[in-house]
Amino acid sequence: MNILPKLNIDSVDVFDACVSSIKDAGLRARFVDSKNDILAEFRSYVGHAAMENLSCLKSCEHGKDWQTIINSLTKGHFKQLYTQCMVGPDSNGRVYYDKILNSIPLSMCPLCDLTHVDSVDHFASKSRYPIFSVLVDNLVPACMKCNKSKGASVISKKNESLHPYFEHSILASEPWLYAQLKGVALPVAKFFVDPPAHWSPELKKRISNHFQDLELESRYAKRAASEIADLLS
């Protein structure tokens, strides 16, 4: 995984742009009236992420778009705020979606570094945490494979994964991913993670979850097999 610098995009601007694209005047007014409460939740997310404690976020049930999330706004309202008012090609929020999508050097997925970015992933899924559907710090440019592999689980201490915007810099300065070659005529690479002993148990767990959730052992092995075959041909 590659650590990403936090994007120079203000989530308040993104929220305002998306809300301004809501066609229903009544719904738009409800979002405006709830703005301060929603922004407080945004700040809470950033605070918990910085403390590596996103498991403290309040989640909602899977499905059930009628669930009230905050004030009179439902899960469905927040999901539409993203899909219609940020992703929608004619929406005021689309410019920010495109900035996030195109923010990666060489457009390589920061989660796997194997394929090109072609989607925006919600680190805390909008199915479980819809209030963060347009929060910039929750939106990670990623390849579709990684995006879909992450699923939509409630974040817990046991399943929390690496967050590209908030992880410690030691991930980039100390080795933790290794490969072992087996065989002579046609070597096969087996990839595994082995973080340094002095790293925290929490970081080690996030690394393990990241590696397993994104199926990186098999994906890296396939890429290595292709490159080895090219070298031997």
Protein backbone atom coordinates (compact mmCIF):
# COMPACT_ATOMS: atom_id res chain seq x y z
CA MET A 1 0.00 0.00 0.00
CA ASN A 2 1.16 3.53 -0.75
CA ILE A 3 0.62 6.29 1.79
CA LEU A 4 -1.20 9.23 0.24
CA PRO A 5 -0.89 12.90 1.16
CA LYS A 6 -4.21 14.30 2.29
CA LEU A 7 -5.96 15.97 -0.60
CA ASN A 8 -6.02 19.75 -0.75
CA ILE A 9 -9.80 19.74 -0.96
CA ASP A 10 -12.03 21.18 1.75
CA SER A 11 -14.83 18.78 2.66
CA VAL A 12 -17.02 21.78 3.47
CA ASP A 13 -16.73 22.95 -0.14
CA VAL A 14 -17.55 19.45 -1.38
CA PHE A 15 -20.58 19.21 0.90
CA ASP A 16 -21.86 22.64 -0.17
CA ALA A 17 -21.39 21.84 -3.87
CA CYS A 18 -23.20 18.52 -3.56
CA VAL A 19 -26.07 20.00 -1.56
CA SER A 20 -26.49 22.79 -4.09
CA SER A 21 -27.16 20.12 -6.74
CA ILE A 22 -30.14 18.63 -4.89
CA LYS A 23 -33.19 19.36 -7.02
CA ASP A 24 -35.76 18.87 -4.27
CA ALA A 25 -35.87 22.25 -2.50
CA GLY A 26 -37.26 20.74 0.70
CA LEU A 27 -34.54 18.08 0.91
CA ARG A 28 -31.88 20.64 0.07
CA ALA A 29 -33.09 22.82 2.95
CA ARG A 30 -32.93 19.85 5.34
CA PHE A 31 -29.30 19.25 4.42
CA VAL A 32 -28.52 22.95 4.89
CA ASP A 33 -30.21 22.95 8.30
CA SER A 34 -28.20 19.86 9.32
CA LYS A 35 -24.87 21.14 7.98
CA ASN A 36 -23.27 21.92 11.35
CA ASP A 37 -24.19 18.51 12.76
CA ILE A 38 -22.86 16.73 9.67
CA LEU A 39 -19.61 18.69 9.71
CA ALA A 40 -19.19 17.77 13.38
CA GLU A 41 -19.40 14.12 12.32
CA PHE A 42 -16.77 14.82 9.63
CA ARG A 43 -14.42 16.22 12.27
CA SER A 44 -15.08 13.20 14.48
CA TYR A 45 -14.09 10.89 11.61
CA VAL A 46 -10.81 12.73 11.06
CA GLY A 47 -10.04 12.68 14.78
CA HIS A 48 -10.70 8.96 15.10
CA ALA A 49 -8.73 8.20 11.92
CA ALA A 50 -5.74 10.17 13.18
CA MET A 51 -5.87 8.11 16.40
CA GLU A 52 -6.20 4.86 14.39
CA ASN A 53 -9.57 4.29 16.02
CA LEU A 54 -12.25 4.32 13.30
CA SER A 55 -13.92 1.38 15.03
CA CYS A 56 -15.50 4.02 17.29
CA LEU A 57 -17.64 5.34 14.45
CA LYS A 58 -21.35 4.69 14.73
CA SER A 59 -22.55 2.37 11.98
CA CYS A 60 -26.01 1.63 10.61
CA GLU A 61 -27.65 -1.57 9.45
CA HIS A 62 -27.06 -3.05 6.02
CA GLY A 63 -29.76 -2.10 3.50
CA LYS A 64 -32.78 -0.26 4.88
CA ASP A 65 -32.30 3.07 3.11
CA TRP A 66 -35.17 4.49 5.16
CA GLN A 67 -33.08 4.48 8.37
CA THR A 68 -32.71 7.93 9.90
CA ILE A 69 -29.04 8.87 10.16
CA ILE A 70 -29.13 12.41 11.53
CA ASN A 71 -32.03 14.77 12.17
CA SER A 72 -34.60 13.93 9.46
CA LEU A 73 -32.06 12.72 6.87
CA THR A 74 -32.02 9.04 5.97
CA LYS A 75 -29.39 6.64 4.75
CA GLY A 76 -30.92 6.86 1.27
CA HIS A 77 -30.59 10.66 1.27
CA PHE A 78 -26.85 10.46 1.98
CA LYS A 79 -26.29 7.76 -0.62
CA GLN A 80 -28.09 9.91 -3.22
CA LEU A 81 -26.00 12.91 -2.18
CA TYR A 82 -22.97 10.93 -3.39
CA THR A 83 -24.35 9.09 -6.42
CA GLN A 84 -26.44 11.93 -7.84
CA CYS A 85 -24.77 15.09 -6.55
CA MET A 86 -21.09 14.14 -6.54
CA VAL A 87 -20.74 11.35 -9.12
CA GLY A 88 -23.51 12.64 -11.38
CA PRO A 89 -21.87 14.02 -14.55
CA ASP A 90 -23.82 17.28 -14.46
CA SER A 91 -23.65 17.81 -10.70
CA ASN A 92 -21.81 20.62 -8.95
CA GLY A 93 -19.85 18.07 -6.94
CA ARG A 94 -18.49 16.21 -9.96
CA VAL A 95 -15.40 18.44 -10.20
CA TYR A 96 -14.33 17.18 -6.77
CA TYR A 97 -15.01 13.55 -7.65
CA ASP A 98 -12.78 13.93 -10.71
CA LYS A 99 -10.04 15.58 -8.64
CA ILE A 100 -10.03 12.64 -6.23
CA LEU A 101 -10.14 10.10 -9.05
CA ASN A 102 -7.20 11.75 -10.84
CA SER A 103 -5.08 12.61 -7.79
CA ILE A 104 -2.71 9.62 -7.95
CA PRO A 105 0.67 9.84 -9.72
CA LEU A 106 0.66 7.53 -12.75
CA SER A 107 -2.93 6.60 -11.79
CA MET A 108 -1.80 3.42 -10.00
CA CYS A 109 -4.08 2.09 -7.27
CA PRO A 110 -2.56 3.00 -3.87
CA LEU A 111 -4.10 -0.06 -2.23
CA CYS A 112 -2.47 -2.72 -4.42
CA ASP A 113 -0.09 -0.83 -6.76
CA LEU A 114 -1.02 -3.36 -9.45
CA THR A 115 -3.64 -1.74 -11.66
CA HIS A 116 -4.86 1.71 -12.60
CA VAL A 117 -7.34 3.73 -10.59
CA ASP A 118 -10.82 3.54 -12.08
CA SER A 119 -13.09 4.15 -9.08
CA VAL A 120 -13.41 5.98 -5.78
CA ASP A 121 -13.61 3.78 -2.70
CA HIS A 122 -15.37 4.70 0.55
CA PHE A 123 -12.94 3.58 3.26
CA ALA A 124 -15.87 3.49 5.68
CA SER A 125 -18.53 2.12 3.34
CA LYS A 126 -21.52 4.29 2.51
CA SER A 127 -23.71 1.26 3.23
CA ARG A 128 -22.66 1.27 6.89
CA TYR A 129 -21.49 4.87 7.32
CA PRO A 130 -23.57 6.92 4.86
CA ILE A 131 -23.02 10.22 6.65
CA PHE A 132 -19.42 10.14 5.32
CA SER A 133 -20.49 9.55 1.72
CA VAL A 134 -18.98 12.87 0.49
CA LEU A 135 -16.27 13.31 3.14
CA VAL A 136 -13.00 13.76 1.23
CA ASP A 137 -10.95 12.00 3.93
CA ASN A 138 -13.13 8.91 3.45
CA LEU A 139 -12.79 8.81 -0.35
CA VAL A 140 -9.81 6.89 -1.71
CA PRO A 141 -8.96 6.57 -5.42
CA ALA A 142 -8.66 2.85 -6.12
CA CYS A 143 -8.95 0.15 -8.74
CA MET A 144 -12.30 -1.58 -9.03
CA LYS A 145 -10.85 -4.90 -7.83
CA CYS A 146 -9.69 -3.40 -4.53
CA ASN A 147 -12.88 -1.39 -4.20
CA LYS A 148 -15.10 -4.45 -4.48
CA SER A 149 -12.81 -6.70 -2.41
CA LYS A 150 -13.08 -4.43 0.62
CA GLY A 151 -16.78 -5.14 1.04
CA ALA A 152 -19.05 -3.19 3.36
CA SER A 153 -18.31 -4.48 6.85
CA VAL A 154 -18.69 -2.56 10.09
CA ILE A 155 -15.21 -1.41 11.10
CA SER A 156 -13.88 -3.15 14.20
CA LYS A 157 -10.51 -3.58 15.88
CA LYS A 158 -10.37 -7.07 14.39
CA ASN A 159 -11.04 -6.13 10.75
CA GLU A 160 -9.78 -2.54 10.42
CA SER A 161 -7.49 -2.13 7.41
CA LEU A 162 -4.81 0.32 6.32
CA HIS A 163 -6.03 3.84 5.60
CA PRO A 164 -3.90 5.51 2.89
CA TYR A 165 -4.45 9.04 4.25
CA PHE A 166 -3.75 8.31 7.92
CA GLU A 167 -1.15 5.54 8.18
CA HIS A 168 2.24 5.96 9.84
CA SER A 169 5.19 6.88 7.63
CA ILE A 170 7.13 3.80 8.76
CA LEU A 171 5.07 1.81 6.27
CA ALA A 172 7.10 3.48 3.54
CA SER A 173 10.49 3.35 5.29
CA GLU A 174 10.67 -0.15 6.81
CA PRO A 175 10.10 -3.44 4.95
CA TRP A 176 7.04 -5.52 5.76
CA LEU A 177 6.13 -7.27 2.46
CA TYR A 178 8.29 -10.15 1.28
CA ALA A 179 8.40 -12.79 -1.44
CA GLN A 180 9.98 -16.23 -1.40
CA LEU A 181 10.95 -17.96 -4.64
CA LYS A 182 10.41 -21.70 -4.87
CA GLY A 183 11.54 -23.94 -7.71
CA VAL A 184 14.39 -23.66 -10.18
CA ALA A 185 13.23 -24.31 -13.74
CA LEU A 186 10.14 -22.15 -13.33
CA PRO A 187 10.32 -20.30 -10.00
CA VAL A 188 7.10 -19.48 -8.20
CA ALA A 189 6.87 -16.45 -5.88
CA LYS A 190 4.98 -16.71 -2.62
CA PHE A 191 4.20 -13.36 -1.02
CA PHE A 192 3.66 -12.77 2.69
CA VAL A 193 3.71 -9.98 5.26
CA ASP A 194 6.14 -9.91 8.17
CA PRO A 195 6.11 -6.51 9.89
CA PRO A 196 9.04 -5.58 12.17
CA ALA A 197 8.69 -6.84 15.73
CA HIS A 198 8.69 -3.33 17.22
CA TRP A 199 5.58 -2.25 15.30
CA SER A 200 2.38 -2.06 17.30
CA PRO A 201 0.00 -5.06 17.37
CA GLU A 202 -2.73 -2.79 15.96
CA LEU A 203 -0.64 -1.82 12.93
CA LYS A 204 0.35 -5.44 12.34
CA LYS A 205 -3.32 -6.41 12.40
CA ARG A 206 -4.27 -3.70 9.91
CA ILE A 207 -1.49 -4.87 7.60
CA SER A 208 -2.68 -8.47 7.82
CA ASN A 209 -6.28 -7.44 7.15
CA HIS A 210 -5.24 -5.31 4.18
CA PHE A 211 -3.24 -8.18 2.66
CA GLN A 212 -6.02 -10.72 3.17
CA ASP A 213 -9.05 -8.56 2.31
CA LEU A 214 -7.60 -7.47 -1.04
CA GLU A 215 -6.39 -11.00 -1.87
CA LEU A 216 -2.92 -9.62 -2.46
CA GLU A 217 -1.08 -12.92 -1.99
CA SER A 218 -2.68 -14.45 -5.08
CA ARG A 219 -2.77 -11.20 -7.07
CA TYR A 220 0.93 -10.51 -6.51
CA ALA A 221 1.78 -14.14 -7.27
CA LYS A 222 0.00 -13.96 -10.61
CA ARG A 223 1.81 -10.76 -11.55
CA ALA A 224 5.14 -12.24 -10.50
CA ALA A 225 4.50 -15.41 -12.50
CA SER A 226 3.90 -13.33 -15.60
CA GLU A 227 7.07 -11.30 -15.11
CA ILE A 228 9.17 -14.39 -14.36
CA ALA A 229 7.87 -16.06 -17.51
CA ASP A 230 8.86 -13.00 -19.54
CA LEU A 231 12.36 -13.02 -18.05
CA LEU A 232 12.84 -16.71 -18.81
CA SER A 233 11.47 -16.58 -22.35
